[in-house]
N, C-alpha and C. Protein backbone atom coordinates (compact mmCIF):
# COMPACT_ATOMS: atom_id res chain seq x y z
N UNK A 1 39.86 355.11 147.67
CA UNK A 1 39.83 355.68 146.35
C UNK A 1 40.24 357.13 146.42
N UNK A 2 41.03 357.52 145.48
CA UNK A 2 41.41 358.92 145.40
C UNK A 2 41.01 359.46 144.04
N UNK A 3 40.72 360.72 144.04
CA UNK A 3 40.31 361.40 142.82
C UNK A 3 41.50 362.11 142.24
N UNK A 4 41.72 361.93 140.95
CA UNK A 4 42.82 362.60 140.29
C UNK A 4 42.31 363.69 139.38
N UNK A 5 43.18 364.21 138.58
CA UNK A 5 42.94 365.36 137.74
C UNK A 5 41.79 365.18 136.74
N UNK A 6 41.21 366.29 136.37
CA UNK A 6 40.27 366.30 135.26
C UNK A 6 41.06 366.56 133.99
N UNK A 7 40.78 365.86 132.95
CA UNK A 7 41.51 366.00 131.69
C UNK A 7 40.70 366.88 130.74
N UNK A 8 41.23 368.03 130.34
CA UNK A 8 40.47 368.92 129.47
C UNK A 8 40.28 368.38 128.05
N UNK A 9 41.04 367.36 127.66
CA UNK A 9 40.93 366.81 126.31
C UNK A 9 39.87 365.72 126.19
N UNK A 10 39.16 365.43 127.26
CA UNK A 10 38.15 364.39 127.21
C UNK A 10 36.94 364.84 126.42
N UNK A 11 36.41 363.92 125.64
CA UNK A 11 35.18 364.21 124.91
C UNK A 11 34.02 363.55 125.64
N UNK A 12 32.83 363.94 125.28
CA UNK A 12 31.66 363.30 125.90
C UNK A 12 31.58 361.83 125.48
N UNK A 13 32.11 361.51 124.31
CA UNK A 13 32.16 360.12 123.86
C UNK A 13 33.07 359.29 124.76
N UNK A 14 34.23 359.85 125.12
CA UNK A 14 35.15 359.16 126.03
C UNK A 14 34.48 358.88 127.37
N UNK A 15 33.79 359.87 127.88
CA UNK A 15 33.13 359.74 129.18
C UNK A 15 32.02 358.70 129.13
N UNK A 16 31.27 358.67 128.05
CA UNK A 16 30.19 357.69 127.92
C UNK A 16 30.73 356.27 127.83
N UNK A 17 31.78 356.07 127.02
CA UNK A 17 32.38 354.74 126.90
C UNK A 17 32.96 354.29 128.24
N UNK A 18 33.56 355.22 129.00
CA UNK A 18 34.12 354.87 130.31
C UNK A 18 33.00 354.46 131.26
N UNK A 19 31.91 355.20 131.26
CA UNK A 19 30.75 354.85 132.10
C UNK A 19 30.24 353.46 131.76
N UNK A 20 30.06 353.20 130.48
CA UNK A 20 29.56 351.89 130.06
C UNK A 20 30.54 350.77 130.37
N UNK A 21 31.84 351.07 130.32
CA UNK A 21 32.85 350.06 130.65
C UNK A 21 32.75 349.63 132.11
N UNK A 22 32.42 350.57 132.96
CA UNK A 22 32.29 350.23 134.38
C UNK A 22 31.02 349.46 134.67
N UNK A 23 29.92 349.85 134.04
CA UNK A 23 28.64 349.23 134.36
C UNK A 23 28.46 347.88 133.66
N UNK A 24 28.92 347.77 132.41
CA UNK A 24 28.80 346.52 131.65
C UNK A 24 30.20 346.10 131.23
N UNK A 25 30.82 345.19 131.96
CA UNK A 25 32.22 344.85 131.71
C UNK A 25 32.51 344.34 130.30
N UNK A 26 31.57 343.69 129.58
CA UNK A 26 31.92 343.29 128.22
C UNK A 26 32.22 344.49 127.31
N UNK A 27 31.66 345.62 127.62
CA UNK A 27 31.95 346.82 126.82
C UNK A 27 33.40 347.24 127.01
N UNK A 28 33.95 346.99 128.19
CA UNK A 28 35.36 347.29 128.42
C UNK A 28 36.24 346.47 127.48
N UNK A 29 35.85 345.24 127.23
CA UNK A 29 36.59 344.39 126.29
C UNK A 29 36.48 344.97 124.88
N UNK A 30 35.29 345.42 124.51
CA UNK A 30 35.07 346.01 123.19
C UNK A 30 35.93 347.26 123.03
N UNK A 31 36.00 348.08 124.06
CA UNK A 31 36.81 349.30 124.01
C UNK A 31 38.27 348.95 123.76
N UNK A 32 38.75 347.91 124.42
CA UNK A 32 40.16 347.53 124.27
C UNK A 32 40.44 346.87 122.92
N UNK A 33 39.41 346.44 122.22
CA UNK A 33 39.59 345.85 120.90
C UNK A 33 39.48 346.87 119.77
N UNK A 34 38.90 348.01 120.05
CA UNK A 34 38.73 349.06 119.03
C UNK A 34 39.96 349.95 119.01
N UNK A 35 40.62 350.05 117.85
CA UNK A 35 41.87 350.80 117.74
C UNK A 35 41.72 352.26 118.15
N UNK A 36 40.66 352.92 117.68
CA UNK A 36 40.52 354.35 117.99
C UNK A 36 40.19 354.59 119.46
N UNK A 37 39.56 353.63 120.11
CA UNK A 37 39.19 353.79 121.53
C UNK A 37 40.36 353.45 122.45
N UNK A 38 41.08 352.39 122.15
CA UNK A 38 42.15 351.99 123.08
C UNK A 38 43.35 352.92 123.03
N UNK A 39 43.40 353.79 122.03
CA UNK A 39 44.49 354.77 121.99
C UNK A 39 44.20 355.98 122.86
N UNK A 40 43.01 356.08 123.39
CA UNK A 40 42.63 357.17 124.29
C UNK A 40 42.99 356.76 125.73
N UNK A 41 43.92 357.47 126.38
CA UNK A 41 44.39 357.06 127.71
C UNK A 41 43.27 356.93 128.76
N UNK A 42 42.32 357.84 128.76
CA UNK A 42 41.23 357.80 129.75
C UNK A 42 40.38 356.55 129.57
N UNK A 43 40.08 356.23 128.32
CA UNK A 43 39.27 355.03 128.05
C UNK A 43 40.03 353.76 128.39
N UNK A 44 41.28 353.71 128.01
CA UNK A 44 42.08 352.52 128.29
C UNK A 44 42.21 352.31 129.79
N UNK A 45 42.48 353.38 130.53
CA UNK A 45 42.63 353.30 131.98
C UNK A 45 41.35 352.77 132.62
N UNK A 46 40.22 353.35 132.28
CA UNK A 46 38.96 352.93 132.88
C UNK A 46 38.56 351.52 132.46
N UNK A 47 38.80 351.16 131.22
CA UNK A 47 38.45 349.81 130.75
C UNK A 47 39.27 348.74 131.45
N UNK A 48 40.57 348.95 131.53
CA UNK A 48 41.45 347.96 132.18
C UNK A 48 41.13 347.87 133.67
N UNK A 49 40.93 349.01 134.32
CA UNK A 49 40.62 349.01 135.74
C UNK A 49 39.27 348.35 136.00
N UNK A 50 38.32 348.59 135.13
CA UNK A 50 37.00 347.96 135.26
C UNK A 50 37.10 346.44 135.14
N UNK A 51 37.86 345.97 134.17
CA UNK A 51 38.03 344.52 134.01
C UNK A 51 38.75 343.91 135.20
N UNK A 52 39.77 344.59 135.70
CA UNK A 52 40.51 344.08 136.86
C UNK A 52 39.61 344.01 138.09
N UNK A 53 38.82 345.05 138.32
CA UNK A 53 37.90 345.05 139.47
C UNK A 53 36.86 343.95 139.34
N UNK A 54 36.33 343.79 138.15
CA UNK A 54 35.31 342.76 137.93
C UNK A 54 35.90 341.37 138.14
N UNK A 55 37.10 341.15 137.64
CA UNK A 55 37.76 339.85 137.82
C UNK A 55 37.98 339.55 139.29
N UNK A 56 38.47 340.52 140.04
CA UNK A 56 38.70 340.31 141.47
C UNK A 56 37.38 340.03 142.19
N UNK A 57 36.34 340.76 141.83
CA UNK A 57 35.05 340.53 142.49
C UNK A 57 34.47 339.16 142.14
N UNK A 58 34.69 338.69 140.91
CA UNK A 58 34.24 337.34 140.57
C UNK A 58 34.99 336.29 141.38
N UNK A 59 36.28 336.49 141.54
CA UNK A 59 37.09 335.51 142.26
C UNK A 59 36.77 335.51 143.75
N UNK A 60 36.64 336.68 144.33
CA UNK A 60 36.49 336.78 145.77
C UNK A 60 35.04 336.81 146.23
N UNK A 61 34.24 337.67 145.63
CA UNK A 61 32.92 337.93 146.17
C UNK A 61 31.77 337.41 145.33
N UNK A 62 32.03 336.93 144.15
CA UNK A 62 30.98 336.46 143.25
C UNK A 62 29.95 337.55 142.93
N UNK A 63 30.43 338.76 142.70
CA UNK A 63 29.60 339.91 142.31
C UNK A 63 28.43 340.17 143.26
N UNK A 64 28.74 340.63 144.41
CA UNK A 64 27.72 341.01 145.37
C UNK A 64 27.10 342.34 144.95
N UNK A 65 25.98 342.70 145.56
CA UNK A 65 25.39 344.01 145.25
C UNK A 65 26.33 345.17 145.53
N UNK A 66 27.26 345.00 146.46
CA UNK A 66 28.23 346.06 146.73
C UNK A 66 29.11 346.34 145.52
N UNK A 67 29.44 345.29 144.78
CA UNK A 67 30.25 345.48 143.59
C UNK A 67 29.48 346.26 142.55
N UNK A 68 28.19 346.01 142.44
CA UNK A 68 27.37 346.75 141.47
C UNK A 68 27.31 348.23 141.87
N UNK A 69 27.16 348.49 143.15
CA UNK A 69 27.11 349.88 143.62
C UNK A 69 28.45 350.56 143.35
N UNK A 70 29.54 349.84 143.61
CA UNK A 70 30.88 350.38 143.35
C UNK A 70 31.06 350.67 141.86
N UNK A 71 30.64 349.74 141.01
CA UNK A 71 30.78 349.92 139.56
C UNK A 71 29.96 351.12 139.08
N UNK A 72 28.77 351.27 139.60
CA UNK A 72 27.94 352.41 139.20
C UNK A 72 28.57 353.72 139.67
N UNK A 73 29.09 353.72 140.89
CA UNK A 73 29.77 354.91 141.41
C UNK A 73 30.98 355.27 140.55
N UNK A 74 31.80 354.27 140.24
CA UNK A 74 32.99 354.52 139.42
C UNK A 74 32.60 354.97 138.02
N UNK A 75 31.52 354.39 137.48
CA UNK A 75 31.04 354.81 136.17
C UNK A 75 30.59 356.26 136.17
N UNK A 76 29.89 356.67 137.20
CA UNK A 76 29.44 358.06 137.30
C UNK A 76 30.63 359.01 137.42
N UNK A 77 31.60 358.63 138.23
CA UNK A 77 32.79 359.46 138.37
C UNK A 77 33.56 359.55 137.05
N UNK A 78 33.63 358.44 136.31
CA UNK A 78 34.30 358.46 135.01
C UNK A 78 33.52 359.33 134.03
N UNK A 79 32.19 359.27 134.10
CA UNK A 79 31.36 360.09 133.21
C UNK A 79 31.55 361.58 133.49
N UNK A 80 31.90 361.90 134.72
CA UNK A 80 32.18 363.29 135.07
C UNK A 80 33.59 363.70 134.65
N UNK A 81 34.38 362.75 134.14
CA UNK A 81 35.73 363.05 133.66
C UNK A 81 36.81 362.91 134.69
N UNK A 82 36.52 362.27 135.81
CA UNK A 82 37.50 362.09 136.88
C UNK A 82 38.32 360.82 136.67
N UNK A 83 39.59 360.92 136.98
CA UNK A 83 40.47 359.75 136.98
C UNK A 83 40.47 359.21 138.40
N UNK A 84 39.76 358.13 138.63
CA UNK A 84 39.67 357.55 139.96
C UNK A 84 40.74 356.48 140.14
N UNK A 85 41.21 356.35 141.37
CA UNK A 85 42.18 355.30 141.69
C UNK A 85 41.58 354.36 142.72
N UNK A 86 41.70 353.09 142.47
CA UNK A 86 41.31 352.07 143.43
C UNK A 86 42.58 351.66 144.17
N UNK A 87 42.58 351.73 145.50
CA UNK A 87 43.79 351.42 146.25
C UNK A 87 44.37 350.05 145.85
N UNK A 88 45.64 350.01 145.68
CA UNK A 88 46.41 348.82 145.33
C UNK A 88 46.17 348.38 143.89
N UNK A 89 44.94 348.32 143.45
CA UNK A 89 44.63 347.81 142.12
C UNK A 89 45.12 348.77 141.03
N UNK A 90 44.92 350.04 141.21
CA UNK A 90 45.38 351.02 140.22
C UNK A 90 46.90 350.96 140.08
N UNK A 91 47.59 350.88 141.21
CA UNK A 91 49.05 350.78 141.17
C UNK A 91 49.50 349.50 140.49
N UNK A 92 48.83 348.40 140.78
CA UNK A 92 49.17 347.12 140.17
C UNK A 92 49.00 347.17 138.65
N UNK A 93 47.90 347.73 138.20
CA UNK A 93 47.62 347.83 136.77
C UNK A 93 48.67 348.70 136.07
N UNK A 94 49.06 349.79 136.73
CA UNK A 94 50.08 350.66 136.14
C UNK A 94 51.44 349.97 136.10
N UNK A 95 51.81 349.26 137.19
CA UNK A 95 53.10 348.58 137.23
C UNK A 95 53.20 347.47 136.20
N UNK A 96 52.07 346.86 135.87
CA UNK A 96 52.07 345.80 134.87
C UNK A 96 52.19 346.36 133.45
N UNK A 97 52.01 347.68 133.31
CA UNK A 97 52.10 348.31 132.01
C UNK A 97 50.83 348.17 131.19
N UNK A 98 49.74 347.87 131.82
CA UNK A 98 48.48 347.68 131.11
C UNK A 98 47.85 349.01 130.73
N UNK A 99 48.21 350.06 131.45
CA UNK A 99 47.70 351.41 131.12
C UNK A 99 48.84 352.38 131.03
């Protein structure tokens, strides 16, 4: 994982929604369905990445405690306003045009 830039345009609302998207994946779906939320790049990035990570963990690991720890860590980093990258997965999501 690499840490990217802090975005000065982030609001505390954006950070909270990103945190919740990581910890409770159904909220990521809600964020992507809300017009005002999905137009925010930080929220869209974290929601899509959260869903992709959750899907991979369901397929491969069946949501082990390590996935929960990872999701909480990513949520905390998102709440701090950091753009985190998950190796390979972040690039895949960007290449697909999802974010």
